[in-house]
PDB file of N, CA and C in Angstrom:
ATOM      1  N   MET A   1     -13.014  46.507 -26.182  1.00  0.00           N
ATOM      2  CA  MET A   1     -12.469  45.374 -25.456  1.00  0.00           C
ATOM      3  C   MET A   1     -12.991  45.419 -24.021  1.00  0.00           C
ATOM      4  N   ALA A   2     -13.510  44.305 -23.564  1.00  0.00           N
ATOM      5  CA  ALA A   2     -14.093  44.240 -22.228  1.00  0.00           C
ATOM      6  C   ALA A   2     -12.997  44.030 -21.183  1.00  0.00           C
ATOM      7  N   PHE A   3     -13.206  44.638 -20.039  1.00  0.00           N
ATOM      8  CA  PHE A   3     -12.263  44.487 -18.922  1.00  0.00           C
ATOM      9  C   PHE A   3     -12.515  43.158 -18.220  1.00  0.00           C
ATOM     10  N   LYS A   4     -11.424  42.431 -17.959  1.00  0.00           N
ATOM     11  CA  LYS A   4     -11.534  41.167 -17.233  1.00  0.00           C
ATOM     12  C   LYS A   4     -10.893  41.354 -15.863  1.00  0.00           C
ATOM     13  N   ILE A   5     -11.647  41.014 -14.842  1.00  0.00           N
ATOM     14  CA  ILE A   5     -11.164  41.184 -13.471  1.00  0.00           C
ATOM     15  C   ILE A   5      -9.876  40.390 -13.228  1.00  0.00           C
ATOM     16  N   GLU A   6      -9.763  39.226 -13.897  1.00  0.00           N
ATOM     17  CA  GLU A   6      -8.590  38.379 -13.715  1.00  0.00           C
ATOM     18  C   GLU A   6      -7.301  39.061 -14.158  1.00  0.00           C
ATOM     19  N   GLU A   7      -7.411  40.069 -14.983  1.00  0.00           N
ATOM     20  CA  GLU A   7      -6.237  40.762 -15.489  1.00  0.00           C
ATOM     21  C   GLU A   7      -5.810  41.934 -14.605  1.00  0.00           C
ATOM     22  N   SER A   8      -6.597  42.287 -13.597  1.00  0.00           N
ATOM     23  CA  SER A   8      -6.267  43.454 -12.777  1.00  0.00           C
ATOM     24  C   SER A   8      -5.126  43.121 -11.812  1.00  0.00           C
ATOM     25  N   ASP A   9      -4.332  44.142 -11.517  1.00  0.00           N
ATOM     26  CA  ASP A   9      -3.221  43.987 -10.573  1.00  0.00           C
ATOM     27  C   ASP A   9      -3.725  43.615  -9.177  1.00  0.00           C
ATOM     28  N   THR A  10      -4.829  44.199  -8.784  1.00  0.00           N
ATOM     29  CA  THR A  10      -5.389  43.923  -7.455  1.00  0.00           C
ATOM     30  C   THR A  10      -5.815  42.457  -7.352  1.00  0.00           C
ATOM     31  N   TYR A  11      -6.480  41.977  -8.368  1.00  0.00           N
ATOM     32  CA  TYR A  11      -6.925  40.581  -8.379  1.00  0.00           C
ATOM     33  C   TYR A  11      -5.710  39.646  -8.296  1.00  0.00           C
ATOM     34  N   GLN A  12      -4.687  39.941  -9.069  1.00  0.00           N
ATOM     35  CA  GLN A  12      -3.477  39.112  -9.070  1.00  0.00           C
ATOM     36  C   GLN A  12      -2.798  39.140  -7.704  1.00  0.00           C
ATOM     37  N   MET A  13      -2.763  40.304  -7.045  1.00  0.00           N
ATOM     38  CA  MET A  13      -2.171  40.431  -5.716  1.00  0.00           C
ATOM     39  C   MET A  13      -2.952  39.588  -4.699  1.00  0.00           C
ATOM     40  N   ILE A  14      -4.266  39.646  -4.786  1.00  0.00           N
ATOM     41  CA  ILE A  14      -5.100  38.852  -3.880  1.00  0.00           C
ATOM     42  C   ILE A  14      -4.836  37.363  -4.090  1.00  0.00           C
ATOM     43  N   LEU A  15      -4.731  36.930  -5.333  1.00  0.00           N
ATOM     44  CA  LEU A  15      -4.429  35.525  -5.624  1.00  0.00           C
ATOM     45  C   LEU A  15      -3.082  35.116  -5.030  1.00  0.00           C
ATOM     46  N   GLU A  16      -2.069  35.947  -5.239  1.00  0.00           N
ATOM     47  CA  GLU A  16      -0.729  35.631  -4.715  1.00  0.00           C
ATOM     48  C   GLU A  16      -0.743  35.521  -3.205  1.00  0.00           C
ATOM     49  N   ARG A  17      -1.422  36.446  -2.535  1.00  0.00           N
ATOM     50  CA  ARG A  17      -1.517  36.372  -1.070  1.00  0.00           C
ATOM     51  C   ARG A  17      -2.264  35.115  -0.629  1.00  0.00           C
ATOM     52  N   GLY A  18      -3.320  34.799  -1.346  1.00  0.00           N
ATOM     53  CA  GLY A  18      -4.088  33.588  -1.021  1.00  0.00           C
ATOM     54  C   GLY A  18      -3.245  32.329  -1.169  1.00  0.00           C
ATOM     55  N   TYR A  19      -2.487  32.247  -2.264  1.00  0.00           N
ATOM     56  CA  TYR A  19      -1.609  31.099  -2.461  1.00  0.00           C
ATOM     57  C   TYR A  19      -0.535  31.047  -1.377  1.00  0.00           C
ATOM     58  N   ALA A  20       0.031  32.205  -1.047  1.00  0.00           N
ATOM     59  CA  ALA A  20       1.088  32.262  -0.030  1.00  0.00           C
ATOM     60  C   ALA A  20       0.573  31.778   1.316  1.00  0.00           C
ATOM     61  N   ARG A  21      -0.646  32.109   1.651  1.00  0.00           N
ATOM     62  CA  ARG A  21      -1.232  31.659   2.924  1.00  0.00           C
ATOM     63  C   ARG A  21      -1.782  30.237   2.816  1.00  0.00           C
ATOM     64  N   GLY A  22      -2.377  29.938   1.704  1.00  0.00           N
ATOM     65  CA  GLY A  22      -3.081  28.664   1.551  1.00  0.00           C
ATOM     66  C   GLY A  22      -2.190  27.457   1.474  1.00  0.00           C
ATOM     67  N   VAL A  23      -1.062  27.566   0.799  1.00  0.00           N
ATOM     68  CA  VAL A  23      -0.195  26.394   0.659  1.00  0.00           C
ATOM     69  C   VAL A  23       0.341  25.931   2.007  1.00  0.00           C
ATOM     70  N   PRO A  24       0.949  26.818   2.825  1.00  0.00           N
ATOM     71  CA  PRO A  24       1.413  26.340   4.132  1.00  0.00           C
ATOM     72  C   PRO A  24       0.276  25.837   5.007  1.00  0.00           C
ATOM     73  N   ASP A  25      -0.874  26.545   4.985  1.00  0.00           N
ATOM     74  CA  ASP A  25      -2.016  26.093   5.778  1.00  0.00           C
ATOM     75  C   ASP A  25      -2.504  24.733   5.300  1.00  0.00           C
ATOM     76  N   GLY A  26      -2.565  24.572   3.987  1.00  0.00           N
ATOM     77  CA  GLY A  26      -3.015  23.301   3.427  1.00  0.00           C
ATOM     78  C   GLY A  26      -2.078  22.161   3.780  1.00  0.00           C
ATOM     79  N   VAL A  27      -0.787  22.424   3.702  1.00  0.00           N
ATOM     80  CA  VAL A  27       0.200  21.396   4.062  1.00  0.00           C
ATOM     81  C   VAL A  27       0.083  21.074   5.541  1.00  0.00           C
ATOM     82  N   GLU A  28      -0.027  22.121   6.362  1.00  0.00           N
ATOM     83  CA  GLU A  28      -0.124  21.935   7.811  1.00  0.00           C
ATOM     84  C   GLU A  28      -1.356  21.110   8.177  1.00  0.00           C
ATOM     85  N   ARG A  29      -2.451  21.347   7.499  1.00  0.00           N
ATOM     86  CA  ARG A  29      -3.673  20.581   7.769  1.00  0.00           C
ATOM     87  C   ARG A  29      -3.629  19.203   7.130  1.00  0.00           C
ATOM     88  N   GLY A  30      -2.982  19.114   5.974  1.00  0.00           N
ATOM     89  CA  GLY A  30      -2.983  17.859   5.229  1.00  0.00           C
ATOM     90  C   GLY A  30      -2.085  16.785   5.808  1.00  0.00           C
ATOM     91  N   ILE A  31      -0.971  17.171   6.407  1.00  0.00           N
ATOM     92  CA  ILE A  31      -0.034  16.179   6.940  1.00  0.00           C
ATOM     93  C   ILE A  31      -0.680  15.299   8.005  1.00  0.00           C
ATOM     94  N   PRO A  32      -1.347  15.859   9.015  1.00  0.00           N
ATOM     95  CA  PRO A  32      -1.977  14.979  10.010  1.00  0.00           C
ATOM     96  C   PRO A  32      -3.019  14.038   9.405  1.00  0.00           C
ATOM     97  N   ILE A  33      -3.767  14.533   8.432  1.00  0.00           N
ATOM     98  CA  ILE A  33      -4.767  13.682   7.779  1.00  0.00           C
ATOM     99  C   ILE A  33      -4.073  12.558   7.022  1.00  0.00           C
ATOM    100  N   GLY A  34      -2.997  12.900   6.306  1.00  0.00           N
ATOM    101  CA  GLY A  34      -2.248  11.882   5.570  1.00  0.00           C
ATOM    102  C   GLY A  34      -1.648  10.837   6.496  1.00  0.00           C
ATOM    103  N   VAL A  35      -1.103  11.292   7.611  1.00  0.00           N
ATOM    104  CA  VAL A  35      -0.519  10.363   8.587  1.00  0.00           C
ATOM    105  C   VAL A  35      -1.608   9.467   9.158  1.00  0.00           C
ATOM    106  N   GLU A  36      -2.730  10.079   9.523  1.00  0.00           N
ATOM    107  CA  GLU A  36      -3.837   9.316  10.103  1.00  0.00           C
ATOM    108  C   GLU A  36      -4.327   8.216   9.161  1.00  0.00           C
ATOM    109  N   ARG A  37      -4.380   8.528   7.891  1.00  0.00           N
ATOM    110  CA  ARG A  37      -4.852   7.550   6.907  1.00  0.00           C
ATOM    111  C   ARG A  37      -3.744   6.595   6.473  1.00  0.00           C
ATOM    112  N   GLY A  38      -2.514   7.087   6.423  1.00  0.00           N
ATOM    113  CA  GLY A  38      -1.413   6.297   5.887  1.00  0.00           C
ATOM    114  C   GLY A  38      -0.859   5.249   6.832  1.00  0.00           C
ATOM    115  N   ILE A  39      -0.829   5.533   8.128  1.00  0.00           N
ATOM    116  CA  ILE A  39      -0.247   4.580   9.076  1.00  0.00           C
ATOM    117  C   ILE A  39      -0.981   3.247   9.069  1.00  0.00           C
ATOM    118  N   PRO A  40      -2.302   3.224   9.183  1.00  0.00           N
ATOM    119  CA  PRO A  40      -2.980   1.916   9.152  1.00  0.00           C
ATOM    120  C   PRO A  40      -2.728   1.145   7.854  1.00  0.00           C
ATOM    121  N   ILE A  41      -2.689   1.850   6.737  1.00  0.00           N
ATOM    122  CA  ILE A  41      -2.417   1.191   5.456  1.00  0.00           C
ATOM    123  C   ILE A  41      -1.012   0.612   5.466  1.00  0.00           C
ATOM    124  N   GLY A  42      -0.050   1.378   5.961  1.00  0.00           N
ATOM    125  CA  GLY A  42       1.333   0.909   6.038  1.00  0.00           C
ATOM    126  C   GLY A  42       1.478  -0.296   6.951  1.00  0.00           C
ATOM    127  N   VAL A  43       0.776  -0.283   8.065  1.00  0.00           N
ATOM    128  CA  VAL A  43       0.822  -1.412   8.997  1.00  0.00           C
ATOM    129  C   VAL A  43       0.262  -2.665   8.330  1.00  0.00           C
ATOM    130  N   GLU A  44      -0.877  -2.523   7.657  1.00  0.00           N
ATOM    131  CA  GLU A  44      -1.489  -3.667   6.964  1.00  0.00           C
ATOM    132  C   GLU A  44      -0.535  -4.244   5.917  1.00  0.00           C
ATOM    133  N   ARG A  45       0.082  -3.375   5.143  1.00  0.00           N
ATOM    134  CA  ARG A  45       1.021  -3.836   4.109  1.00  0.00           C
ATOM    135  C   ARG A  45       2.240  -4.499   4.737  1.00  0.00           C
ATOM    136  N   GLY A  46       2.721  -3.947   5.839  1.00  0.00           N
ATOM    137  CA  GLY A  46       3.873  -4.526   6.518  1.00  0.00           C
ATOM    138  C   GLY A  46       3.581  -5.921   7.059  1.00  0.00           C
ATOM    139  N   ILE A  47       2.409  -6.105   7.625  1.00  0.00           N
ATOM    140  CA  ILE A  47       2.017  -7.425   8.130  1.00  0.00           C
ATOM    141  C   ILE A  47       1.960  -8.422   6.977  1.00  0.00           C
ATOM    142  N   ALA A  48       1.330  -8.019   5.874  1.00  0.00           N
ATOM    143  CA  ALA A  48       1.236  -8.909   4.713  1.00  0.00           C
ATOM    144  C   ALA A  48       2.617  -9.255   4.174  1.00  0.00           C
ATOM    145  N   GLN A  49       3.522  -8.278   4.097  1.00  0.00           N
ATOM    146  CA  GLN A  49       4.879  -8.554   3.606  1.00  0.00           C
ATOM    147  C   GLN A  49       5.605  -9.536   4.513  1.00  0.00           C
ATOM    148  N   GLY A  50       5.412  -9.391   5.817  1.00  0.00           N
ATOM    149  CA  GLY A  50       6.036 -10.329   6.750  1.00  0.00           C
ATOM    150  C   GLY A  50       5.551 -11.753   6.511  1.00  0.00           C
ATOM    151  N   PHE A  51       4.241 -11.912   6.331  1.00  0.00           N
ATOM    152  CA  PHE A  51       3.687 -13.231   6.016  1.00  0.00           C
ATOM    153  C   PHE A  51       4.253 -13.758   4.707  1.00  0.00           C
ATOM    154  N   HIS A  52       4.267 -12.920   3.675  1.00  0.00           N
ATOM    155  CA  HIS A  52       4.773 -13.347   2.366  1.00  0.00           C
ATOM    156  C   HIS A  52       6.203 -13.870   2.477  1.00  0.00           C
ATOM    157  N   ARG A  53       7.045 -13.112   3.145  1.00  0.00           N
ATOM    158  CA  ARG A  53       8.458 -13.521   3.265  1.00  0.00           C
ATOM    159  C   ARG A  53       8.596 -14.814   4.040  1.00  0.00           C
ATOM    160  N   LEU A  54       7.864 -14.938   5.147  1.00  0.00           N
ATOM    161  CA  LEU A  54       7.937 -16.145   5.960  1.00  0.00           C
ATOM    162  C   LEU A  54       7.456 -17.367   5.182  1.00  0.00           C
ATOM    163  N   ILE A  55       6.302 -17.252   4.551  1.00  0.00           N
ATOM    164  CA  ILE A  55       5.750 -18.378   3.794  1.00  0.00           C
ATOM    165  C   ILE A  55       6.674 -18.741   2.642  1.00  0.00           C
ATOM    166  N   GLU A  56       7.184 -17.752   1.935  1.00  0.00           N
ATOM    167  CA  GLU A  56       8.092 -18.010   0.815  1.00  0.00           C
ATOM    168  C   GLU A  56       9.342 -18.760   1.286  1.00  0.00           C
ATOM    169  N   ARG A  57       9.938 -18.307   2.368  1.00  0.00           N
ATOM    170  CA  ARG A  57      11.157 -18.962   2.882  1.00  0.00           C
ATOM    171  C   ARG A  57      10.875 -20.389   3.344  1.00  0.00           C
ATOM    172  N   GLN A  58       9.816 -20.552   4.134  1.00  0.00           N
ATOM    173  CA  GLN A  58       9.520 -21.884   4.661  1.00  0.00           C
ATOM    174  C   GLN A  58       9.105 -22.854   3.558  1.00  0.00           C
ATOM    175  N   ALA A  59       8.278 -22.398   2.628  1.00  0.00           N
ATOM    176  CA  ALA A  59       7.833 -23.276   1.546  1.00  0.00           C
ATOM    177  C   ALA A  59       9.000 -23.642   0.632  1.00  0.00           C
ATOM    178  N   THR A  60       9.893 -22.705   0.367  1.00  0.00           N
ATOM    179  CA  THR A  60      11.056 -23.008  -0.469  1.00  0.00           C
ATOM    180  C   THR A  60      11.954 -24.020   0.222  1.00  0.00           C
ATOM    181  N   LYS A  61      12.121 -23.876   1.512  1.00  0.00           N
ATOM    182  CA  LYS A  61      12.943 -24.839   2.261  1.00  0.00           C
ATOM    183  C   LYS A  61      12.295 -26.225   2.245  1.00  0.00           C
ATOM    184  N   ARG A  62      10.990 -26.257   2.348  1.00  0.00           N
ATOM    185  CA  ARG A  62      10.293 -27.554   2.405  1.00  0.00           C
ATOM    186  C   ARG A  62      10.084 -28.184   1.029  1.00  0.00           C
ATOM    187  N   PHE A  63       9.674 -27.387   0.025  1.00  0.00           N
ATOM    188  CA  PHE A  63       9.297 -27.937  -1.280  1.00  0.00           C
ATOM    189  C   PHE A  63      10.293 -27.661  -2.394  1.00  0.00           C
ATOM    190  N   GLY A  64      11.301 -26.846  -2.136  1.00  0.00           N
ATOM    191  CA  GLY A  64      12.227 -26.450  -3.187  1.00  0.00           C
ATOM    192  C   GLY A  64      11.742 -25.192  -3.883  1.00  0.00           C
ATOM    193  N   PRO A  65      12.370 -24.854  -4.989  1.00  0.00           N
ATOM    194  CA  PRO A  65      11.985 -23.621  -5.692  1.00  0.00           C
ATOM    195  C   PRO A  65      10.511 -23.626  -6.082  1.00  0.00           C
ATOM    196  N   PRO A  66       9.887 -22.467  -6.035  1.00  0.00           N
ATOM    197  CA  PRO A  66       8.464 -22.398  -6.386  1.00  0.00           C
ATOM    198  C   PRO A  66       8.244 -22.587  -7.875  1.00  0.00           C
ATOM    199  N   PRO A  67       7.045 -23.018  -8.261  1.00  0.00           N
ATOM    200  CA  PRO A  67       6.735 -23.144  -9.687  1.00  0.00           C
ATOM    201  C   PRO A  67       6.668 -21.767 -10.339  1.00  0.00           C
ATOM    202  N   VAL A  68       6.704 -21.746 -11.647  1.00  0.00           N
ATOM    203  CA  VAL A  68       6.582 -20.488 -12.382  1.00  0.00           C
ATOM    204  C   VAL A  68       5.287 -19.798 -11.961  1.00  0.00           C
ATOM    205  N   GLY A  69       5.391 -18.556 -11.560  1.00  0.00           N
ATOM    206  CA  GLY A  69       4.228 -17.786 -11.134  1.00  0.00           C
ATOM    207  C   GLY A  69       3.839 -17.998  -9.685  1.00  0.00           C
ATOM    208  N   GLY A  70       4.508 -18.912  -9.007  1.00  0.00           N
ATOM    209  CA  GLY A  70       4.149 -19.219  -7.618  1.00  0.00           C
ATOM    210  C   GLY A  70       4.368 -18.054  -6.673  1.00  0.00           C
ATOM    211  N   ILE A  71       5.501 -17.391  -6.820  1.00  0.00           N
ATOM    212  CA  ILE A  71       5.796 -16.249  -5.948  1.00  0.00           C
ATOM    213  C   ILE A  71       4.813 -15.114  -6.214  1.00  0.00           C
ATOM    214  N   GLU A  72       4.514 -14.871  -7.483  1.00  0.00           N
ATOM    215  CA  GLU A  72       3.555 -13.816  -7.814  1.00  0.00           C
ATOM    216  C   GLU A  72       2.185 -14.131  -7.227  1.00  0.00           C
ATOM    217  N   THR A  73       1.795 -15.402  -7.292  1.00  0.00           N
ATOM    218  CA  THR A  73       0.512 -15.816  -6.727  1.00  0.00           C
ATOM    219  C   THR A  73       0.495 -15.573  -5.230  1.00  0.00           C
ATOM    220  N   LEU A  74       1.563 -15.978  -4.554  1.00  0.00           N
ATOM    221  CA  LEU A  74       1.659 -15.785  -3.109  1.00  0.00           C
ATOM    222  C   LEU A  74       1.581 -14.303  -2.756  1.00  0.00           C
ATOM    223  N   TRP A  75       2.373 -13.479  -3.430  1.00  0.00           N
ATOM    224  CA  TRP A  75       2.437 -12.056  -3.100  1.00  0.00           C
ATOM    225  C   TRP A  75       1.179 -11.300  -3.494  1.00  0.00           C
ATOM    226  N   ALA A  76       0.331 -11.898  -4.301  1.00  0.00           N
ATOM    227  CA  ALA A  76      -0.936 -11.252  -4.660  1.00  0.00           C
ATOM    228  C   ALA A  76      -1.985 -11.434  -3.561  1.00  0.00           C
ATOM    229  N   ILE A  77      -1.712 -12.326  -2.618  1.00  0.00           N
ATOM    230  CA  ILE A  77      -2.649 -12.585  -1.524  1.00  0.00           C
ATOM    231  C   ILE A  77      -2.402 -11.548  -0.429  1.00  0.00           C
ATOM    232  N   ASN A  78      -3.429 -10.798  -0.082  1.00  0.00           N
ATOM    233  CA  ASN A  78      -3.287  -9.770   0.950  1.00  0.00           C
ATOM    234  C   ASN A  78      -4.253  -9.945   2.115  1.00  0.00           C
ATOM    235  N   ASP A  79      -5.084 -10.965   2.053  1.00  0.00           N
ATOM    236  CA  ASP A  79      -6.015 -11.262   3.140  1.00  0.00           C
ATOM    237  C   ASP A  79      -5.229 -11.902   4.285  1.00  0.00           C
ATOM    238  N   HIS A  80      -5.173 -11.231   5.426  1.00  0.00           N
ATOM    239  CA  HIS A  80      -4.351 -11.713   6.544  1.00  0.00           C
ATOM    240  C   HIS A  80      -4.795 -13.080   7.052  1.00  0.00           C
ATOM    241  N   GLU A  81      -6.090 -13.332   7.066  1.00  0.00           N
ATOM    242  CA  GLU A  81      -6.575 -14.629   7.532  1.00  0.00           C
ATOM    243  C   GLU A  81      -6.112 -15.745   6.600  1.00  0.00           C
ATOM    244  N   ARG A  82      -6.163 -15.494   5.307  1.00  0.00           N
ATOM    245  CA  ARG A  82      -5.691 -16.504   4.349  1.00  0.00           C
ATOM    246  C   ARG A  82      -4.183 -16.694   4.485  1.00  0.00           C
ATOM    247  N   LEU A  83      -3.452 -15.617   4.678  1.00  0.00           N
ATOM    248  CA  LEU A  83      -2.006 -15.742   4.854  1.00  0.00           C
ATOM    249  C   LEU A  83      -1.677 -16.553   6.105  1.00  0.00           C
ATOM    250  N   GLU A  84      -2.457 -16.378   7.168  1.00  0.00           N
ATOM    251  CA  GLU A  84      -2.264 -17.197   8.371  1.00  0.00           C
ATOM    252  C   GLU A  84      -2.516 -18.668   8.065  1.00  0.00           C
ATOM    253  N   ARG A  85      -3.571 -18.945   7.303  1.00  0.00           N
ATOM    254  CA  ARG A  85      -3.856 -20.340   6.936  1.00  0.00           C
ATOM    255  C   ARG A  85      -2.716 -20.919   6.090  1.00  0.00           C
ATOM    256  N   LEU A  86      -2.192 -20.124   5.169  1.00  0.00           N
ATOM    257  CA  LEU A  86      -1.059 -20.586   4.350  1.00  0.00           C
ATOM    258  C   LEU A  86       0.162 -20.880   5.223  1.00  0.00           C
ATOM    259  N   ALA A  87       0.425 -20.006   6.180  1.00  0.00           N
ATOM    260  CA  ALA A  87       1.572 -20.221   7.072  1.00  0.00           C
ATOM    261  C   ALA A  87       1.416 -21.531   7.840  1.00  0.00           C
ATOM    262  N   ASP A  88       0.204 -21.823   8.281  1.00  0.00           N
ATOM    263  CA  ASP A  88      -0.046 -23.092   8.971  1.00  0.00           C
ATOM    264  C   ASP A  88       0.065 -24.282   8.010  1.00  0.00           C
ATOM    265  N   ARG A  89      -0.416 -24.116   6.787  1.00  0.00           N
ATOM    266  CA  ARG A  89      -0.432 -25.210   5.808  1.00  0.00           C
ATOM    267  C   ARG A  89       0.946 -25.611   5.321  1.00  0.00           C
ATOM    268  N   VAL A  90       1.940 -24.749   5.464  1.00  0.00           N
ATOM    269  CA  VAL A  90       3.300 -25.121   5.054  1.00  0.00           C
ATOM    270  C   VAL A  90       3.697 -26.422   5.746  1.00  0.00           C
ATOM    271  N   LEU A  91       3.209 -26.621   6.955  1.00  0.00           N
ATOM    272  CA  LEU A  91       3.555 -27.828   7.717  1.00  0.00           C
ATOM    273  C   LEU A  91       2.881 -29.083   7.172  1.00  0.00           C
ATOM    274  N   ASP A  92       1.725 -28.948   6.523  1.00  0.00           N
ATOM    275  CA  ASP A  92       0.946 -30.101   6.082  1.00  0.00           C
ATOM    276  C   ASP A  92       0.861 -30.264   4.566  1.00  0.00           C
ATOM    277  N   ALA A  93       1.086 -29.211   3.820  1.00  0.00           N
ATOM    278  CA  ALA A  93       0.956 -29.283   2.365  1.00  0.00           C
ATOM    279  C   ALA A  93       2.000 -30.228   1.787  1.00  0.00           C
ATOM    280  N   THR A  94       1.719 -30.734   0.596  1.00  0.00           N
ATOM    281  CA  THR A  94       2.640 -31.685  -0.046  1.00  0.00           C
ATOM    282  C   THR A  94       3.479 -31.052  -1.147  1.00  0.00           C
ATOM    283  N   SER A  95       3.099 -29.831  -1.555  1.00  0.00           N
ATOM    284  CA  SER A  95       3.824 -29.158  -2.625  1.00  0.00           C
ATOM    285  C   SER A  95       3.446 -27.670  -2.630  1.00  0.00           C
ATOM    286  N   TRP A  96       4.156 -26.907  -3.447  1.00  0.00           N
ATOM    287  CA  TRP A  96       3.798 -25.502  -3.637  1.00  0.00           C
ATOM    288  C   TRP A  96       2.357 -25.389  -4.140  1.00  0.00           C
ATOM    289  N   ASP A  97       2.004 -26.200  -5.125  1.00  0.00           N
ATOM    290  CA  ASP A  97       0.660 -26.119  -5.695  1.00  0.00           C
ATOM    291  C   ASP A  97      -0.402 -26.422  -4.636  1.00  0.00           C
ATOM    292  N   ASP A  98      -0.149 -27.431  -3.824  1.00  0.00           N
ATOM    293  CA  ASP A  98      -1.076 -27.774  -2.748  1.00  0.00           C
ATOM    294  C   ASP A  98      -1.184 -26.609  -1.767  1.00  0.00           C
ATOM    295  N   LEU A  99      -0.054 -26.019  -1.431  1.00  0.00           N
ATOM    296  CA  LEU A  99      -0.050 -24.885  -0.501  1.00  0.00           C
ATOM    297  C   LEU A  99      -0.836 -23.709  -1.065  1.00  0.00           C
ATOM    298  N   LEU A 100      -0.547 -23.336  -2.306  1.00  0.00           N
ATOM    299  CA  LEU A 100      -1.201 -22.163  -2.899  1.00  0.00           C
ATOM    300  C   LEU A 100      -2.683 -22.385  -3.174  1.00  0.00           C
ATOM    301  N   ALA A 101      -3.135 -23.617  -3.151  1.00  0.00           N
ATOM    302  CA  ALA A 101      -4.570 -23.909  -3.322  1.00  0.00           C
ATOM    303  C   ALA A 101      -5.352 -23.700  -2.032  1.00  0.00           C
ATOM    304  N   THR A 102      -4.660 -23.383  -0.949  1.00  0.00           N
ATOM    305  CA  THR A 102      -5.322 -23.166   0.336  1.00  0.00           C
ATOM    306  C   THR A 102      -6.280 -21.979   0.223  1.00  0.00           C
ATOM    307  N   PRO A 103      -7.552 -22.202   0.542  1.00  0.00           N
ATOM    308  CA  PRO A 103      -8.533 -21.100   0.440  1.00  0.00           C
ATOM    309  C   PRO A 103      -8.324 -20.053   1.528  1.00  0.00           C
TER     310      PRO A 103
END
């Protein structure tokens, strides 16, 4: 039977020490990277949600309940420039369908 280094007590001890040091170090290094990447994404999503809620409320007040699938269509739009155009179009559109057709 051949000896496998992975089965030695010394090898296992080295692995345990490495894990004990590596996990806290990895978390400590990973959190700033996650925050750096996550904040801009969160801000973008928050802006889009604000537009969605505003457009939904104003369009419902102006045109009544949305058509089937209308809310899903609206919430699928994440381009901020298009959402701005939709917010402006609530004032001029004639219906939900007309509003959601805004490019």
